[in-house]
Each structure stands twice: as C-alpha cells, then as structure tokens.
Amino acid sequence: MPEQLPDDGTCAAPDCDEPTPWDMAALIIDGAWYCSPQCAGGHLNRHGAPAQVTLHDPQFNADREELPHVAADAVNISRRVTSLDDADIAIEQATDLYPGTFRVEE
C-alpha cells in the first residue's frame, strides 16, 4: 500500500487545532491526520471502523526491527483493521509502539 501524502495542516479532530506537519509523529486514519491517540479515537466515534490505522513516525522513534513486513526506512507503519474494536486496538498498539508522547495527551 502506498504511503499517504503529507498533510502539513492541523489535526482533523473538530475541536483540535494542533499542528500535524509531515516531520512530526501523527496517527493517520482514512487519510485524516491526528495529533494524538485521543483525537484519532474520536474519529472512530464519528466515522466507524477504517480499513487501516497508520502511525506516522518520520523521526524513526519506533523500533522497526520487531515488526515483520515493515522496512527499516518506512516512515508510515500501517496496520489493517477489521472492525471498530480492532481499530481501537490498533490505535492502542500504535501508541505503545511509539516510545515518546504525542503532542496532546489527555
């Protein structure tokens, strides 16, 4: 699957104006960029289950060696999902995979 194009805008959550530039970590769902797991989870509440959840990690902070089928130079780490519950799990797994904190943490 091709990598999503850069967003260079702000978080897609309706009440959030945090930046989501290409060079910062983000979660991508249905082509929309989210600054945090909380904002990404809100997407699921509004739109239902997506086809995949992507951790955008341009700083390569997440350890790719432990991930089968993820190239060492992959900026986006995507996981296909099959249901709304699976999408929630995918967001949690992406959060656990990312060793730092996202810009917005509730």
N, C-alpha and C. Protein backbone atom coordinates (compact mmCIF):
# COMPACT_ATOMS: atom_id res chain seq x y z
N MET A 1 0.84 -1.17 0.00
CA MET A 1 0.00 0.00 0.00
C MET A 1 0.89 1.24 0.00
N PRO A 2 0.61 2.25 -0.85
CA PRO A 2 1.46 3.43 -0.91
C PRO A 2 1.32 4.28 0.35
N GLU A 3 2.39 5.01 0.68
CA GLU A 3 2.34 5.87 1.84
C GLU A 3 1.45 7.08 1.54
N GLN A 4 0.76 7.56 2.56
CA GLN A 4 -0.09 8.73 2.39
C GLN A 4 0.76 9.97 2.14
N LEU A 5 0.20 10.91 1.42
CA LEU A 5 0.88 12.17 1.15
C LEU A 5 0.92 13.02 2.42
N PRO A 6 1.86 13.92 2.51
CA PRO A 6 1.94 14.79 3.69
C PRO A 6 0.69 15.63 3.86
N ASP A 7 0.38 15.91 5.11
CA ASP A 7 -0.79 16.72 5.42
C ASP A 7 -0.41 18.19 5.55
N ASP A 8 0.58 18.48 6.38
CA ASP A 8 1.04 19.85 6.63
C ASP A 8 -0.06 20.79 7.09
N GLY A 9 -1.07 20.26 7.77
CA GLY A 9 -2.15 21.09 8.27
C GLY A 9 -2.27 20.97 9.77
N THR A 10 -3.50 20.89 10.21
CA THR A 10 -3.76 20.71 11.64
C THR A 10 -4.55 19.43 11.85
N CYS A 11 -4.64 19.04 13.09
CA CYS A 11 -5.35 17.82 13.47
C CYS A 11 -6.76 17.82 12.90
N ALA A 12 -7.20 16.66 12.42
CA ALA A 12 -8.51 16.54 11.79
C ALA A 12 -9.65 16.48 12.80
N ALA A 13 -9.34 16.38 14.10
CA ALA A 13 -10.40 16.37 15.11
C ALA A 13 -11.10 17.73 15.12
N PRO A 14 -12.41 17.75 15.21
CA PRO A 14 -13.17 19.00 15.08
C PRO A 14 -12.76 20.10 16.07
N ASP A 15 -12.43 19.75 17.29
CA ASP A 15 -12.13 20.76 18.30
C ASP A 15 -10.64 20.85 18.62
N CYS A 16 -9.78 20.45 17.69
CA CYS A 16 -8.35 20.45 17.93
C CYS A 16 -7.65 21.21 16.80
N ASP A 17 -6.75 22.09 17.18
CA ASP A 17 -6.00 22.82 16.15
C ASP A 17 -4.50 22.60 16.28
N GLU A 18 -4.12 21.44 16.88
CA GLU A 18 -2.70 21.09 16.98
C GLU A 18 -2.14 20.86 15.58
N PRO A 19 -0.90 21.24 15.34
CA PRO A 19 -0.31 21.03 14.01
C PRO A 19 -0.02 19.56 13.74
N THR A 20 -0.08 19.20 12.49
CA THR A 20 0.27 17.85 12.05
C THR A 20 1.20 17.92 10.84
N PRO A 21 2.34 18.58 10.98
CA PRO A 21 3.27 18.64 9.84
C PRO A 21 3.88 17.29 9.57
N TRP A 22 4.39 17.13 8.37
CA TRP A 22 4.93 15.85 7.95
C TRP A 22 6.08 15.38 8.84
N ASP A 23 6.82 16.30 9.43
CA ASP A 23 8.01 15.92 10.19
C ASP A 23 7.73 15.63 11.67
N MET A 24 6.46 15.53 12.07
CA MET A 24 6.10 15.20 13.44
C MET A 24 5.25 13.93 13.48
N ALA A 25 5.31 13.23 14.59
CA ALA A 25 4.52 12.00 14.75
C ALA A 25 3.03 12.31 14.69
N ALA A 26 2.29 11.39 14.10
CA ALA A 26 0.84 11.54 13.99
C ALA A 26 0.23 10.16 13.77
N LEU A 27 -1.08 10.09 13.90
CA LEU A 27 -1.83 8.90 13.52
C LEU A 27 -2.69 9.28 12.32
N ILE A 28 -2.73 8.41 11.33
CA ILE A 28 -3.50 8.67 10.11
C ILE A 28 -4.59 7.61 10.00
N ILE A 29 -5.82 8.10 9.86
CA ILE A 29 -6.98 7.21 9.71
C ILE A 29 -7.83 7.76 8.57
N ASP A 30 -8.13 6.92 7.60
CA ASP A 30 -8.94 7.32 6.45
C ASP A 30 -8.40 8.58 5.78
N GLY A 31 -7.07 8.71 5.73
CA GLY A 31 -6.45 9.86 5.09
C GLY A 31 -6.44 11.12 5.93
N ALA A 32 -7.03 11.09 7.12
CA ALA A 32 -7.05 12.25 8.01
C ALA A 32 -5.93 12.10 9.04
N TRP A 33 -5.26 13.20 9.35
CA TRP A 33 -4.11 13.20 10.26
C TRP A 33 -4.54 13.68 11.63
N TYR A 34 -4.13 12.93 12.66
CA TYR A 34 -4.49 13.24 14.04
C TYR A 34 -3.23 13.40 14.88
N CYS A 35 -3.24 14.38 15.77
CA CYS A 35 -2.07 14.71 16.57
C CYS A 35 -1.86 13.77 17.74
N SER A 36 -2.87 12.99 18.11
CA SER A 36 -2.77 12.16 19.31
C SER A 36 -3.70 10.96 19.21
N PRO A 37 -3.46 9.96 20.05
CA PRO A 37 -4.38 8.81 20.09
C PRO A 37 -5.80 9.22 20.48
N GLN A 38 -5.93 10.21 21.36
CA GLN A 38 -7.26 10.65 21.78
C GLN A 38 -8.04 11.22 20.61
N CYS A 39 -7.38 12.05 19.82
CA CYS A 39 -8.06 12.63 18.65
C CYS A 39 -8.36 11.55 17.61
N ALA A 40 -7.45 10.60 17.43
CA ALA A 40 -7.68 9.51 16.48
C ALA A 40 -8.86 8.65 16.93
N GLY A 41 -8.96 8.40 18.23
CA GLY A 41 -10.08 7.62 18.75
C GLY A 41 -11.40 8.33 18.52
N GLY A 42 -11.39 9.66 18.56
CA GLY A 42 -12.60 10.42 18.28
C GLY A 42 -13.08 10.21 16.85
N HIS A 43 -12.14 9.99 15.94
CA HIS A 43 -12.50 9.71 14.55
C HIS A 43 -13.37 8.44 14.49
N LEU A 44 -12.98 7.43 15.25
CA LEU A 44 -13.74 6.18 15.24
C LEU A 44 -15.15 6.40 15.76
N ASN A 45 -15.30 7.26 16.77
CA ASN A 45 -16.62 7.54 17.32
C ASN A 45 -17.51 8.25 16.31
N ARG A 46 -16.91 9.02 15.40
CA ARG A 46 -17.69 9.75 14.41
C ARG A 46 -17.91 8.98 13.11
N HIS A 47 -16.93 8.14 12.73
CA HIS A 47 -16.96 7.55 11.39
C HIS A 47 -17.00 6.02 11.37
N GLY A 48 -16.81 5.36 12.49
CA GLY A 48 -16.78 3.90 12.47
C GLY A 48 -15.41 3.36 12.10
N ALA A 49 -15.38 2.09 11.79
CA ALA A 49 -14.12 1.39 11.56
C ALA A 49 -13.50 1.77 10.21
N PRO A 50 -12.21 2.11 10.22
CA PRO A 50 -11.50 2.37 8.97
C PRO A 50 -10.92 1.06 8.43
N ALA A 51 -10.26 1.12 7.30
CA ALA A 51 -9.59 -0.05 6.73
C ALA A 51 -8.23 -0.26 7.38
N GLN A 52 -7.59 0.83 7.86
CA GLN A 52 -6.28 0.71 8.50
C GLN A 52 -6.04 1.89 9.42
N VAL A 53 -5.09 1.70 10.32
CA VAL A 53 -4.59 2.76 11.20
C VAL A 53 -3.09 2.85 10.94
N THR A 54 -2.59 4.07 10.78
CA THR A 54 -1.18 4.28 10.45
C THR A 54 -0.52 5.15 11.50
N LEU A 55 0.62 4.68 12.00
CA LEU A 55 1.49 5.51 12.82
C LEU A 55 2.46 6.20 11.88
N HIS A 56 2.43 7.51 11.84
CA HIS A 56 3.36 8.29 11.03
C HIS A 56 4.52 8.66 11.95
N ASP A 57 5.70 8.12 11.68
CA ASP A 57 6.85 8.27 12.56
C ASP A 57 8.08 8.69 11.75
N PRO A 58 8.14 9.96 11.32
CA PRO A 58 9.25 10.41 10.47
C PRO A 58 10.58 10.52 11.20
N GLN A 59 10.57 10.49 12.52
CA GLN A 59 11.80 10.56 13.28
C GLN A 59 12.37 9.16 13.55
N PHE A 60 11.65 8.14 13.14
CA PHE A 60 12.07 6.73 13.31
C PHE A 60 12.30 6.39 14.78
N ASN A 61 11.39 6.86 15.64
CA ASN A 61 11.48 6.56 17.06
C ASN A 61 11.00 5.15 17.40
N ALA A 62 10.03 4.65 16.67
CA ALA A 62 9.51 3.30 16.91
C ALA A 62 10.51 2.27 16.38
N ASP A 63 10.69 1.19 17.10
CA ASP A 63 11.62 0.13 16.72
C ASP A 63 11.01 -0.73 15.62
N ARG A 64 11.54 -0.60 14.43
CA ARG A 64 11.02 -1.35 13.29
C ARG A 64 11.57 -2.77 13.20
N GLU A 65 12.62 -3.06 13.91
CA GLU A 65 13.22 -4.41 13.87
C GLU A 65 12.27 -5.47 14.39
N GLU A 66 11.41 -5.10 15.30
CA GLU A 66 10.47 -6.06 15.89
C GLU A 66 9.20 -6.24 15.05
N LEU A 67 9.08 -5.50 13.97
CA LEU A 67 7.86 -5.52 13.17
C LEU A 67 8.07 -6.24 11.85
N PRO A 68 7.45 -7.40 11.69
CA PRO A 68 7.58 -8.09 10.40
C PRO A 68 6.89 -7.28 9.30
N HIS A 69 7.44 -7.30 8.15
CA HIS A 69 6.86 -6.65 6.97
C HIS A 69 6.92 -5.13 7.03
N VAL A 70 7.74 -4.55 7.92
CA VAL A 70 7.94 -3.11 7.95
C VAL A 70 9.40 -2.83 7.65
N ALA A 71 9.64 -2.09 6.60
CA ALA A 71 11.02 -1.77 6.21
C ALA A 71 11.65 -0.82 7.23
N ALA A 72 12.93 -0.93 7.39
CA ALA A 72 13.65 -0.09 8.35
C ALA A 72 13.53 1.40 8.01
N ASP A 73 13.31 1.72 6.74
CA ASP A 73 13.21 3.12 6.34
C ASP A 73 11.76 3.58 6.10
N ALA A 74 10.79 2.79 6.54
CA ALA A 74 9.38 3.15 6.37
C ALA A 74 8.99 4.24 7.36
N VAL A 75 8.48 5.33 6.85
CA VAL A 75 8.02 6.42 7.71
C VAL A 75 6.66 6.07 8.31
N ASN A 76 5.81 5.44 7.53
CA ASN A 76 4.48 5.06 7.99
C ASN A 76 4.43 3.59 8.33
N ILE A 77 3.89 3.30 9.49
CA ILE A 77 3.70 1.93 9.95
C ILE A 77 2.20 1.70 10.00
N SER A 78 1.69 0.91 9.06
CA SER A 78 0.25 0.72 8.93
C SER A 78 -0.18 -0.65 9.42
N ARG A 79 -1.39 -0.69 9.95
CA ARG A 79 -1.99 -1.95 10.40
C ARG A 79 -3.42 -1.98 9.88
N ARG A 80 -3.73 -3.03 9.15
CA ARG A 80 -5.11 -3.20 8.67
C ARG A 80 -6.01 -3.55 9.84
N VAL A 81 -7.25 -3.09 9.78
CA VAL A 81 -8.21 -3.39 10.83
C VAL A 81 -9.47 -3.99 10.22
N THR A 82 -10.18 -4.75 11.03
CA THR A 82 -11.35 -5.46 10.53
C THR A 82 -12.66 -5.04 11.17
N SER A 83 -12.58 -4.27 12.26
CA SER A 83 -13.78 -3.85 12.96
C SER A 83 -13.48 -2.62 13.80
N LEU A 84 -14.50 -2.07 14.40
CA LEU A 84 -14.31 -0.91 15.27
C LEU A 84 -13.46 -1.27 16.48
N ASP A 85 -13.71 -2.43 17.08
CA ASP A 85 -12.90 -2.88 18.21
C ASP A 85 -11.45 -3.08 17.79
N ASP A 86 -11.24 -3.64 16.62
CA ASP A 86 -9.88 -3.86 16.12
C ASP A 86 -9.19 -2.52 15.86
N ALA A 87 -9.93 -1.52 15.40
CA ALA A 87 -9.36 -0.19 15.19
C ALA A 87 -8.92 0.43 16.51
N ASP A 88 -9.74 0.25 17.56
CA ASP A 88 -9.34 0.73 18.90
C ASP A 88 -8.04 0.07 19.35
N ILE A 89 -7.94 -1.23 19.12
CA ILE A 89 -6.73 -1.97 19.48
C ILE A 89 -5.54 -1.46 18.66
N ALA A 90 -5.76 -1.19 17.38
CA ALA A 90 -4.68 -0.70 16.52
C ALA A 90 -4.16 0.66 16.99
N ILE A 91 -5.05 1.54 17.44
CA ILE A 91 -4.62 2.83 17.98
C ILE A 91 -3.81 2.61 19.25
N GLU A 92 -4.26 1.71 20.10
CA GLU A 92 -3.53 1.40 21.33
C GLU A 92 -2.15 0.82 21.02
N GLN A 93 -2.10 -0.08 20.05
CA GLN A 93 -0.82 -0.67 19.67
C GLN A 93 0.14 0.36 19.07
N ALA A 94 -0.37 1.27 18.26
CA ALA A 94 0.46 2.33 17.70
C ALA A 94 0.99 3.23 18.80
N THR A 95 0.16 3.50 19.79
CA THR A 95 0.57 4.32 20.93
C THR A 95 1.66 3.61 21.72
N ASP A 96 1.50 2.32 21.92
CA ASP A 96 2.51 1.54 22.65
C ASP A 96 3.80 1.44 21.85
N LEU A 97 3.69 1.37 20.54
CA LEU A 97 4.86 1.24 19.68
C LEU A 97 5.70 2.52 19.68
N TYR A 98 5.03 3.65 19.77
CA TYR A 98 5.73 4.93 19.75
C TYR A 98 6.32 5.19 21.14
N PRO A 99 7.63 5.32 21.26
CA PRO A 99 8.26 5.40 22.58
C PRO A 99 8.12 6.73 23.29
N GLY A 100 7.77 7.77 22.58
CA GLY A 100 7.63 9.09 23.19
C GLY A 100 6.17 9.38 23.51
N THR A 101 5.87 10.65 23.68
CA THR A 101 4.50 11.06 23.87
C THR A 101 4.08 11.89 22.68
N PHE A 102 2.82 11.81 22.35
CA PHE A 102 2.27 12.64 21.29
C PHE A 102 2.09 14.06 21.82
N ARG A 103 1.89 15.00 20.96
CA ARG A 103 1.81 16.39 21.39
C ARG A 103 0.65 16.65 22.33
N VAL A 104 -0.44 15.96 22.16
CA VAL A 104 -1.61 16.15 23.02
C VAL A 104 -1.85 14.86 23.77
N GLU A 105 -1.74 14.90 25.06
CA GLU A 105 -2.02 13.73 25.89
C GLU A 105 -3.05 14.12 26.94
N GLU A 106 -4.16 13.40 26.98
CA GLU A 106 -5.21 13.70 27.98
C GLU A 106 -5.06 12.77 29.15
